[in-house]
N, C-alpha and C. Protein backbone atom coordinates (compact mmCIF):
# COMPACT_ATOMS: atom_id res chain seq x y z
N UNK A 1 -16.76 -30.53 28.05
CA UNK A 1 -15.98 -29.41 27.52
C UNK A 1 -16.92 -28.53 26.69
N UNK A 2 -16.90 -27.22 26.99
CA UNK A 2 -17.78 -26.34 26.24
C UNK A 2 -17.09 -25.89 24.94
N UNK A 3 -17.83 -25.24 24.08
CA UNK A 3 -17.36 -24.86 22.75
C UNK A 3 -16.15 -23.92 22.82
N UNK A 4 -16.13 -22.96 23.76
CA UNK A 4 -15.01 -22.03 23.86
C UNK A 4 -13.73 -22.76 24.26
N UNK A 5 -13.85 -23.74 25.15
CA UNK A 5 -12.67 -24.53 25.54
C UNK A 5 -12.13 -25.32 24.35
N UNK A 6 -13.04 -25.84 23.55
CA UNK A 6 -12.63 -26.59 22.37
C UNK A 6 -11.92 -25.67 21.37
N UNK A 7 -12.45 -24.48 21.17
CA UNK A 7 -11.82 -23.51 20.28
C UNK A 7 -10.45 -23.12 20.82
N UNK A 8 -10.35 -22.93 22.15
CA UNK A 8 -9.07 -22.58 22.76
C UNK A 8 -8.05 -23.70 22.56
N UNK A 9 -8.51 -24.94 22.66
CA UNK A 9 -7.63 -26.09 22.46
C UNK A 9 -7.13 -26.12 21.00
N UNK A 10 -8.02 -25.91 20.04
CA UNK A 10 -7.62 -25.87 18.64
C UNK A 10 -6.66 -24.71 18.38
N UNK A 11 -6.89 -23.58 19.04
CA UNK A 11 -6.01 -22.42 18.87
C UNK A 11 -4.61 -22.74 19.40
N UNK A 12 -4.52 -23.47 20.52
CA UNK A 12 -3.23 -23.85 21.08
C UNK A 12 -2.48 -24.78 20.13
N UNK A 13 -3.18 -25.75 19.56
CA UNK A 13 -2.57 -26.66 18.59
C UNK A 13 -2.09 -25.89 17.38
N UNK A 14 -2.94 -25.00 16.88
CA UNK A 14 -2.58 -24.19 15.70
C UNK A 14 -1.35 -23.33 16.01
N UNK A 15 -1.30 -22.71 17.19
CA UNK A 15 -0.16 -21.86 17.56
C UNK A 15 1.12 -22.68 17.62
N UNK A 16 1.06 -23.89 18.14
CA UNK A 16 2.24 -24.76 18.21
C UNK A 16 2.72 -25.11 16.81
N UNK A 17 1.81 -25.52 15.94
CA UNK A 17 2.17 -25.87 14.57
C UNK A 17 2.71 -24.66 13.81
N UNK A 18 2.14 -23.51 14.08
CA UNK A 18 2.58 -22.27 13.42
C UNK A 18 3.98 -21.90 13.90
N UNK A 19 4.25 -22.08 15.17
CA UNK A 19 5.59 -21.80 15.71
C UNK A 19 6.63 -22.73 15.08
N UNK A 20 6.27 -24.00 14.89
CA UNK A 20 7.19 -24.94 14.25
C UNK A 20 7.47 -24.50 12.82
N UNK A 21 6.42 -24.10 12.11
CA UNK A 21 6.58 -23.59 10.75
C UNK A 21 7.43 -22.33 10.74
N UNK A 22 7.22 -21.44 11.70
CA UNK A 22 8.00 -20.20 11.79
C UNK A 22 9.48 -20.51 11.99
N UNK A 23 9.78 -21.50 12.79
CA UNK A 23 11.19 -21.88 13.02
C UNK A 23 11.82 -22.38 11.74
N UNK A 24 11.10 -23.19 10.97
CA UNK A 24 11.62 -23.68 9.70
C UNK A 24 11.83 -22.54 8.70
N UNK A 25 10.88 -21.63 8.64
CA UNK A 25 10.99 -20.49 7.72
C UNK A 25 12.16 -19.60 8.14
N UNK A 26 12.34 -19.38 9.43
CA UNK A 26 13.46 -18.58 9.92
C UNK A 26 14.78 -19.23 9.54
N UNK A 27 14.88 -20.55 9.72
CA UNK A 27 16.10 -21.27 9.34
C UNK A 27 16.36 -21.11 7.84
N UNK A 28 15.30 -21.25 7.03
CA UNK A 28 15.45 -21.10 5.58
C UNK A 28 15.92 -19.69 5.23
N UNK A 29 15.31 -18.68 5.83
CA UNK A 29 15.71 -17.30 5.55
C UNK A 29 17.16 -17.04 5.96
N UNK A 30 17.56 -17.60 7.10
CA UNK A 30 18.96 -17.45 7.53
C UNK A 30 19.91 -18.09 6.51
N UNK A 31 19.56 -19.26 6.01
CA UNK A 31 20.39 -19.94 5.01
C UNK A 31 20.44 -19.13 3.72
N UNK A 32 19.32 -18.58 3.32
CA UNK A 32 19.28 -17.75 2.10
C UNK A 32 20.16 -16.52 2.27
N UNK A 33 20.07 -15.87 3.41
CA UNK A 33 20.90 -14.69 3.67
C UNK A 33 22.38 -15.03 3.67
N UNK A 34 22.73 -16.19 4.21
CA UNK A 34 24.12 -16.63 4.22
C UNK A 34 24.62 -16.82 2.80
N UNK A 35 23.81 -17.44 1.95
CA UNK A 35 24.19 -17.65 0.55
C UNK A 35 24.29 -16.30 -0.17
N UNK A 36 23.35 -15.39 0.10
CA UNK A 36 23.39 -14.06 -0.52
C UNK A 36 24.69 -13.34 -0.16
N UNK A 37 25.03 -13.37 1.14
CA UNK A 37 26.25 -12.69 1.57
C UNK A 37 27.48 -13.29 0.90
N UNK A 38 27.49 -14.61 0.75
CA UNK A 38 28.64 -15.27 0.14
C UNK A 38 28.77 -14.91 -1.34
N UNK A 39 27.68 -14.66 -2.01
CA UNK A 39 27.70 -14.40 -3.46
C UNK A 39 27.60 -12.91 -3.81
N UNK A 40 27.33 -12.07 -2.85
CA UNK A 40 27.04 -10.66 -3.13
C UNK A 40 28.18 -9.93 -3.83
N UNK A 41 29.40 -10.11 -3.41
CA UNK A 41 30.53 -9.42 -4.03
C UNK A 41 30.66 -9.81 -5.49
N UNK A 42 30.54 -11.10 -5.79
CA UNK A 42 30.64 -11.57 -7.18
C UNK A 42 29.48 -11.03 -8.01
N UNK A 43 28.30 -10.99 -7.44
CA UNK A 43 27.13 -10.47 -8.16
C UNK A 43 27.32 -8.99 -8.47
N UNK A 44 27.78 -8.21 -7.49
CA UNK A 44 28.02 -6.78 -7.72
C UNK A 44 29.06 -6.57 -8.82
N UNK A 45 30.09 -7.37 -8.82
CA UNK A 45 31.13 -7.27 -9.84
C UNK A 45 30.56 -7.63 -11.22
N UNK A 46 29.74 -8.68 -11.27
CA UNK A 46 29.13 -9.09 -12.54
C UNK A 46 28.16 -8.03 -13.05
N UNK A 47 27.44 -7.37 -12.15
CA UNK A 47 26.52 -6.29 -12.54
C UNK A 47 27.31 -5.14 -13.16
N UNK A 48 28.41 -4.78 -12.54
CA UNK A 48 29.25 -3.70 -13.08
C UNK A 48 29.77 -4.06 -14.47
N UNK A 49 30.25 -5.28 -14.66
CA UNK A 49 30.76 -5.72 -15.96
C UNK A 49 29.64 -5.70 -17.00
N UNK A 50 28.45 -6.18 -16.63
CA UNK A 50 27.33 -6.19 -17.57
C UNK A 50 26.91 -4.77 -17.93
N UNK A 51 26.90 -3.86 -16.96
CA UNK A 51 26.57 -2.46 -17.25
C UNK A 51 27.57 -1.85 -18.22
N UNK A 52 28.85 -2.12 -18.00
CA UNK A 52 29.89 -1.58 -18.88
C UNK A 52 29.75 -2.16 -20.28
N UNK A 53 29.51 -3.47 -20.37
CA UNK A 53 29.34 -4.11 -21.68
C UNK A 53 28.12 -3.54 -22.40
N UNK A 54 27.06 -3.28 -21.67
CA UNK A 54 25.85 -2.69 -22.25
C UNK A 54 26.14 -1.28 -22.75
N UNK A 55 26.85 -0.48 -21.96
CA UNK A 55 27.20 0.89 -22.36
C UNK A 55 28.08 0.88 -23.60
N UNK A 56 29.05 -0.04 -23.67
CA UNK A 56 29.92 -0.15 -24.85
C UNK A 56 29.10 -0.52 -26.08
N UNK A 57 28.18 -1.49 -25.93
CA UNK A 57 27.33 -1.91 -27.05
C UNK A 57 26.45 -0.76 -27.53
N UNK A 58 25.87 -0.03 -26.59
CA UNK A 58 25.01 1.10 -26.94
C UNK A 58 25.80 2.16 -27.70
N UNK A 59 27.00 2.46 -27.24
CA UNK A 59 27.84 3.46 -27.92
C UNK A 59 28.19 2.99 -29.32
N UNK A 60 28.48 1.71 -29.48
CA UNK A 60 28.82 1.17 -30.80
C UNK A 60 27.62 1.25 -31.75
N UNK A 61 26.44 0.96 -31.25
CA UNK A 61 25.23 1.03 -32.08
C UNK A 61 24.97 2.48 -32.48
N UNK A 62 25.11 3.41 -31.53
CA UNK A 62 24.91 4.82 -31.84
C UNK A 62 25.91 5.31 -32.88
N UNK A 63 27.16 4.84 -32.79
CA UNK A 63 28.18 5.21 -33.78
C UNK A 63 27.89 4.59 -35.14
N UNK A 64 27.26 3.43 -35.17
CA UNK A 64 27.00 2.74 -36.44
C UNK A 64 25.54 2.74 -36.82
N UNK A 65 24.82 3.83 -36.58
CA UNK A 65 23.40 3.91 -36.89
C UNK A 65 23.09 3.58 -38.35
N UNK A 66 24.01 3.92 -39.24
CA UNK A 66 23.76 3.68 -40.67
C UNK A 66 23.70 2.18 -40.97
N UNK A 67 24.24 1.35 -40.13
CA UNK A 67 24.20 -0.10 -40.33
C UNK A 67 22.81 -0.67 -40.07
N UNK A 68 21.94 0.15 -39.47
CA UNK A 68 20.62 -0.34 -39.09
C UNK A 68 19.49 0.38 -39.84
N UNK A 69 19.78 0.79 -41.10
CA UNK A 69 18.72 1.36 -41.93
C UNK A 69 17.72 0.27 -42.29
N UNK A 70 18.21 -0.82 -42.86
CA UNK A 70 17.39 -1.99 -43.17
C UNK A 70 18.27 -3.21 -43.03
N UNK A 71 17.97 -4.14 -42.25
CA UNK A 71 16.91 -4.14 -41.23
C UNK A 71 17.28 -3.24 -40.06
N UNK A 72 16.26 -2.81 -39.33
CA UNK A 72 16.45 -1.88 -38.21
C UNK A 72 17.07 -2.58 -37.00
N UNK A 73 16.85 -3.88 -36.89
CA UNK A 73 17.42 -4.64 -35.78
C UNK A 73 17.99 -5.96 -36.30
N UNK A 74 18.89 -6.52 -35.52
CA UNK A 74 19.47 -7.84 -35.80
C UNK A 74 19.62 -8.57 -34.48
N UNK A 75 19.64 -9.91 -34.55
CA UNK A 75 19.89 -10.71 -33.37
C UNK A 75 21.31 -11.25 -33.48
N UNK A 76 22.14 -10.86 -32.55
CA UNK A 76 23.55 -11.27 -32.52
C UNK A 76 23.83 -11.93 -31.17
N UNK A 77 24.24 -13.16 -31.20
CA UNK A 77 24.55 -13.91 -29.98
C UNK A 77 23.36 -13.94 -29.02
N UNK A 78 22.17 -14.02 -29.57
CA UNK A 78 20.97 -14.09 -28.74
C UNK A 78 20.53 -12.76 -28.18
N UNK A 79 21.13 -11.67 -28.67
CA UNK A 79 20.78 -10.33 -28.20
C UNK A 79 20.26 -9.52 -29.37
N UNK A 80 19.06 -8.97 -29.23
CA UNK A 80 18.49 -8.13 -30.28
C UNK A 80 19.12 -6.74 -30.15
N UNK A 81 19.75 -6.29 -31.25
CA UNK A 81 20.42 -4.99 -31.24
C UNK A 81 19.96 -4.19 -32.44
N UNK A 82 20.04 -2.90 -32.34
CA UNK A 82 19.69 -2.03 -33.46
C UNK A 82 18.96 -0.80 -33.00
N UNK A 83 18.05 -0.33 -33.86
CA UNK A 83 17.31 0.89 -33.59
C UNK A 83 15.81 0.61 -33.67
N UNK A 84 15.06 1.28 -32.86
CA UNK A 84 13.61 1.19 -32.92
C UNK A 84 13.04 2.58 -32.72
N UNK A 85 11.97 2.85 -33.42
CA UNK A 85 11.32 4.16 -33.32
C UNK A 85 10.57 4.23 -32.00
N UNK A 86 10.84 5.25 -31.24
CA UNK A 86 10.14 5.46 -29.98
C UNK A 86 8.79 6.11 -30.24
N UNK A 87 7.83 5.77 -29.43
CA UNK A 87 6.47 6.29 -29.60
C UNK A 87 6.41 7.80 -29.32
N UNK A 88 7.23 8.28 -28.43
CA UNK A 88 7.18 9.69 -28.05
C UNK A 88 6.13 9.93 -26.98
N UNK A 89 6.04 11.15 -26.53
CA UNK A 89 5.06 11.47 -25.49
C UNK A 89 4.20 12.63 -25.95
N UNK A 90 2.97 12.63 -25.47
CA UNK A 90 2.02 13.68 -25.80
C UNK A 90 2.15 14.78 -24.74
N UNK A 91 2.33 16.00 -25.19
CA UNK A 91 2.48 17.11 -24.25
C UNK A 91 1.61 18.28 -24.69
N UNK A 92 1.12 19.01 -23.72
CA UNK A 92 0.38 20.26 -23.97
C UNK A 92 0.43 21.07 -22.70
N UNK A 93 0.29 22.39 -22.87
CA UNK A 93 0.40 23.27 -21.72
C UNK A 93 -0.88 23.35 -20.90
N UNK A 94 -2.02 23.42 -21.56
CA UNK A 94 -3.29 23.60 -20.86
C UNK A 94 -4.31 22.63 -21.44
N UNK A 95 -4.62 21.59 -20.70
CA UNK A 95 -5.51 20.55 -21.19
C UNK A 95 -6.89 21.09 -21.52
N UNK A 96 -7.42 21.97 -20.70
CA UNK A 96 -8.76 22.52 -20.95
C UNK A 96 -8.81 23.28 -22.28
N UNK A 97 -7.77 24.07 -22.59
CA UNK A 97 -7.73 24.81 -23.85
C UNK A 97 -7.61 23.87 -25.05
N UNK A 98 -6.82 22.82 -24.90
CA UNK A 98 -6.67 21.86 -25.99
C UNK A 98 -8.00 21.15 -26.23
N UNK A 99 -8.70 20.77 -25.17
CA UNK A 99 -10.01 20.13 -25.32
C UNK A 99 -10.98 21.08 -26.02
N UNK A 100 -10.97 22.35 -25.63
CA UNK A 100 -11.85 23.33 -26.27
C UNK A 100 -11.53 23.45 -27.76
N UNK A 101 -10.24 23.48 -28.12
CA UNK A 101 -9.86 23.56 -29.54
C UNK A 101 -10.26 22.30 -30.29
N UNK A 102 -10.12 21.13 -29.66
CA UNK A 102 -10.55 19.89 -30.30
C UNK A 102 -12.04 19.94 -30.58
N UNK A 103 -12.83 20.38 -29.59
CA UNK A 103 -14.28 20.45 -29.77
C UNK A 103 -14.67 21.47 -30.85
N UNK A 104 -13.92 22.55 -30.95
CA UNK A 104 -14.25 23.60 -31.92
C UNK A 104 -13.79 23.26 -33.34
N UNK A 105 -12.69 22.55 -33.48
CA UNK A 105 -12.08 22.40 -34.79
C UNK A 105 -12.25 21.02 -35.43
N UNK A 106 -12.66 20.03 -34.67
CA UNK A 106 -12.74 18.68 -35.23
C UNK A 106 -14.19 18.19 -35.24
N UNK A 107 -14.49 17.24 -36.13
CA UNK A 107 -15.84 16.66 -36.16
C UNK A 107 -16.15 15.90 -34.87
N UNK A 108 -17.45 15.77 -34.55
CA UNK A 108 -17.89 15.16 -33.29
C UNK A 108 -17.37 13.74 -33.11
N UNK A 109 -17.30 12.95 -34.19
CA UNK A 109 -16.83 11.58 -34.04
C UNK A 109 -15.35 11.53 -33.65
N UNK A 110 -14.57 12.50 -34.10
CA UNK A 110 -13.17 12.57 -33.68
C UNK A 110 -13.06 13.08 -32.25
N UNK A 111 -13.93 14.00 -31.86
CA UNK A 111 -13.94 14.51 -30.49
C UNK A 111 -14.18 13.35 -29.52
N UNK A 112 -15.12 12.45 -29.87
CA UNK A 112 -15.42 11.31 -29.00
C UNK A 112 -14.20 10.40 -28.83
N UNK A 113 -13.38 10.31 -29.87
CA UNK A 113 -12.18 9.48 -29.79
C UNK A 113 -11.07 10.14 -28.97
N UNK A 114 -11.00 11.46 -29.02
CA UNK A 114 -9.89 12.17 -28.40
C UNK A 114 -10.15 12.63 -26.96
N UNK A 115 -11.40 12.89 -26.62
CA UNK A 115 -11.73 13.43 -25.31
C UNK A 115 -12.50 12.38 -24.52
N UNK A 116 -11.99 12.02 -23.37
CA UNK A 116 -12.62 11.00 -22.54
C UNK A 116 -13.50 11.65 -21.49
N UNK A 117 -14.75 11.23 -21.46
CA UNK A 117 -15.69 11.69 -20.45
C UNK A 117 -16.21 10.43 -19.76
N UNK A 118 -16.00 10.34 -18.47
CA UNK A 118 -16.40 9.13 -17.76
C UNK A 118 -17.11 9.50 -16.48
N UNK A 119 -18.30 8.94 -16.32
CA UNK A 119 -19.04 9.08 -15.08
C UNK A 119 -19.11 7.72 -14.43
N UNK A 120 -18.93 7.69 -13.12
CA UNK A 120 -19.05 6.43 -12.40
C UNK A 120 -19.39 6.72 -10.94
N UNK A 121 -19.91 5.72 -10.28
CA UNK A 121 -20.24 5.85 -8.86
C UNK A 121 -18.95 5.73 -8.05
N UNK A 122 -18.74 6.64 -7.14
CA UNK A 122 -17.59 6.57 -6.25
C UNK A 122 -17.99 5.66 -5.09
N UNK A 123 -17.62 4.39 -5.19
CA UNK A 123 -18.09 3.37 -4.27
C UNK A 123 -17.67 3.61 -2.83
N UNK A 124 -16.50 4.18 -2.61
CA UNK A 124 -16.07 4.44 -1.23
C UNK A 124 -17.03 5.39 -0.52
N UNK A 125 -17.57 6.37 -1.25
CA UNK A 125 -18.49 7.32 -0.65
C UNK A 125 -19.84 6.70 -0.38
N UNK A 126 -20.22 5.68 -1.15
CA UNK A 126 -21.51 5.03 -0.97
C UNK A 126 -21.63 4.41 0.42
N UNK A 127 -20.52 3.93 0.96
CA UNK A 127 -20.56 3.32 2.29
C UNK A 127 -21.02 4.29 3.37
N UNK A 128 -20.90 5.59 3.11
CA UNK A 128 -21.30 6.60 4.10
C UNK A 128 -22.80 6.88 4.08
N UNK A 129 -23.51 6.39 3.07
CA UNK A 129 -24.95 6.65 2.97
C UNK A 129 -25.72 5.82 4.00
N UNK A 130 -26.88 6.35 4.40
CA UNK A 130 -27.76 5.63 5.33
C UNK A 130 -28.50 4.54 4.56
N UNK A 131 -28.95 3.52 5.27
CA UNK A 131 -29.63 2.38 4.66
C UNK A 131 -30.84 2.82 3.85
N UNK A 132 -31.60 3.80 4.37
CA UNK A 132 -32.79 4.27 3.65
C UNK A 132 -32.40 4.91 2.32
N UNK A 133 -31.31 5.69 2.32
CA UNK A 133 -30.85 6.32 1.08
C UNK A 133 -30.37 5.27 0.09
N UNK A 134 -29.66 4.26 0.58
CA UNK A 134 -29.19 3.19 -0.30
C UNK A 134 -30.37 2.50 -0.98
N UNK A 135 -31.41 2.20 -0.19
CA UNK A 135 -32.58 1.51 -0.73
C UNK A 135 -33.29 2.38 -1.75
N UNK A 136 -33.47 3.65 -1.45
CA UNK A 136 -34.16 4.58 -2.34
C UNK A 136 -33.41 4.74 -3.67
N UNK A 137 -32.07 4.67 -3.62
CA UNK A 137 -31.26 4.84 -4.82
C UNK A 137 -31.06 3.53 -5.58
N UNK A 138 -31.49 2.42 -4.99
CA UNK A 138 -31.32 1.14 -5.67
C UNK A 138 -29.92 0.58 -5.54
N UNK A 139 -29.25 0.90 -4.43
CA UNK A 139 -27.89 0.42 -4.19
C UNK A 139 -27.94 -0.64 -3.09
N UNK A 140 -27.26 -1.76 -3.33
CA UNK A 140 -27.19 -2.84 -2.35
C UNK A 140 -25.75 -2.99 -1.88
N UNK A 141 -25.59 -3.30 -0.62
CA UNK A 141 -24.28 -3.67 -0.08
C UNK A 141 -24.32 -5.19 0.07
N UNK A 142 -23.42 -5.88 -0.61
CA UNK A 142 -23.42 -7.34 -0.55
C UNK A 142 -22.16 -7.85 0.14
N UNK A 143 -22.21 -9.10 0.53
CA UNK A 143 -21.09 -9.79 1.15
C UNK A 143 -20.57 -9.06 2.39
N UNK A 144 -21.51 -8.52 3.17
CA UNK A 144 -21.10 -7.82 4.39
C UNK A 144 -21.40 -8.67 5.61
N UNK A 145 -21.06 -9.96 5.51
CA UNK A 145 -21.34 -10.90 6.60
C UNK A 145 -20.09 -11.08 7.46
N UNK A 146 -20.26 -11.80 8.55
CA UNK A 146 -19.13 -12.09 9.43
C UNK A 146 -18.20 -13.10 8.77
N UNK A 147 -16.92 -12.96 9.01
CA UNK A 147 -15.94 -13.91 8.49
C UNK A 147 -15.05 -14.36 9.65
N UNK A 148 -14.61 -15.59 9.59
CA UNK A 148 -13.73 -16.13 10.62
C UNK A 148 -12.38 -15.43 10.54
N UNK A 149 -11.83 -15.03 11.69
CA UNK A 149 -10.52 -14.38 11.75
C UNK A 149 -9.56 -15.30 12.47
N UNK A 150 -8.45 -15.62 11.79
CA UNK A 150 -7.34 -16.34 12.41
C UNK A 150 -6.11 -15.60 11.98
N UNK A 151 -5.56 -14.80 12.88
CA UNK A 151 -4.44 -13.94 12.51
C UNK A 151 -3.46 -13.88 13.67
N UNK A 152 -2.22 -14.14 13.36
CA UNK A 152 -1.20 -14.08 14.40
C UNK A 152 -0.88 -12.62 14.71
N UNK A 153 -0.46 -12.37 15.90
CA UNK A 153 -0.11 -11.01 16.31
C UNK A 153 1.39 -10.87 16.48
N UNK A 154 2.15 -11.62 15.65
CA UNK A 154 3.59 -11.66 15.81
C UNK A 154 4.32 -10.73 14.85
N UNK A 155 5.18 -11.27 13.97
CA UNK A 155 6.15 -10.46 13.25
C UNK A 155 6.08 -10.62 11.75
N UNK A 156 7.11 -10.13 11.04
CA UNK A 156 7.20 -10.23 9.60
C UNK A 156 7.30 -11.68 9.12
N UNK A 157 7.90 -12.53 9.93
CA UNK A 157 7.99 -13.94 9.56
C UNK A 157 6.57 -14.48 9.38
N UNK A 158 5.66 -13.97 10.20
CA UNK A 158 4.29 -14.43 10.12
C UNK A 158 3.64 -14.06 8.80
N UNK A 159 4.04 -12.95 8.21
CA UNK A 159 3.50 -12.58 6.91
C UNK A 159 3.87 -13.63 5.88
N UNK A 160 5.12 -14.09 5.93
CA UNK A 160 5.56 -15.13 5.01
C UNK A 160 4.82 -16.43 5.28
N UNK A 161 4.65 -16.77 6.53
CA UNK A 161 3.92 -17.99 6.89
C UNK A 161 2.49 -17.91 6.39
N UNK A 162 1.85 -16.76 6.59
CA UNK A 162 0.48 -16.59 6.11
C UNK A 162 0.41 -16.75 4.60
N UNK A 163 1.41 -16.19 3.90
CA UNK A 163 1.44 -16.33 2.45
C UNK A 163 1.60 -17.78 2.05
N UNK A 164 2.47 -18.51 2.77
CA UNK A 164 2.67 -19.93 2.48
C UNK A 164 1.40 -20.72 2.74
N UNK A 165 0.74 -20.41 3.83
CA UNK A 165 -0.51 -21.10 4.15
C UNK A 165 -1.58 -20.78 3.12
N UNK A 166 -1.63 -19.52 2.67
CA UNK A 166 -2.60 -19.13 1.64
C UNK A 166 -2.29 -19.84 0.33
N UNK A 167 -0.99 -19.99 0.00
CA UNK A 167 -0.61 -20.71 -1.22
C UNK A 167 -1.08 -22.15 -1.13
N UNK A 168 -0.90 -22.78 0.04
CA UNK A 168 -1.35 -24.16 0.21
C UNK A 168 -2.86 -24.25 0.05
N UNK A 169 -3.58 -23.27 0.58
CA UNK A 169 -5.03 -23.26 0.44
C UNK A 169 -5.42 -23.12 -1.03
N UNK A 170 -4.72 -22.25 -1.75
CA UNK A 170 -4.98 -22.04 -3.17
C UNK A 170 -4.66 -23.31 -3.95
N UNK A 171 -3.54 -23.99 -3.61
CA UNK A 171 -3.19 -25.24 -4.26
C UNK A 171 -4.27 -26.28 -4.03
N UNK A 172 -4.79 -26.32 -2.81
CA UNK A 172 -5.83 -27.28 -2.50
C UNK A 172 -7.09 -27.00 -3.31
N UNK A 173 -7.41 -25.72 -3.49
CA UNK A 173 -8.57 -25.34 -4.29
C UNK A 173 -8.36 -25.76 -5.73
N UNK A 174 -7.14 -25.51 -6.27
CA UNK A 174 -6.86 -25.86 -7.65
C UNK A 174 -6.89 -27.37 -7.86
N UNK A 175 -6.37 -28.15 -6.89
CA UNK A 175 -6.38 -29.61 -7.00
C UNK A 175 -7.82 -30.12 -6.97
N UNK A 176 -8.65 -29.51 -6.12
CA UNK A 176 -10.05 -29.95 -6.00
C UNK A 176 -10.85 -29.64 -7.26
N UNK A 177 -10.46 -28.59 -7.97
CA UNK A 177 -11.25 -28.17 -9.15
C UNK A 177 -11.04 -29.04 -10.35
């Protein structure tokens, strides 16, 4: 038996085992969907009740703001309620003009804190350079070797199976470490 025949044989075994796993995952997903459908109406009703209760609580807190001068918040029935100062948002009409005013009106050490200047190599563009240019610039491309590919050409169920298989591989790595 030559090496390609052996690889083909392993691929057939893998495909069979993967199909068995896919059937189990499909059964599990069907069971989950059945449970979801059975509980969905009750969940939607509970969400509506919780939203209404939250809206009522918010309105009561807004009406009683004076109750939260000190302390600003309280924990009642495991729920933190009260008032908190919002950070707010920074707004300006023209960033370039604001930067120019900062540079003109504030000391240099404050300018460095307020104005961000960042230079970096755009790595995606580096891939377009020729090997001679990369070498001349002192840039190396690493880890550009061949990697084994084992990928099913099937469906979304396969994405879940791949994730499960990757989790098992990660678990094995963690156990070995």
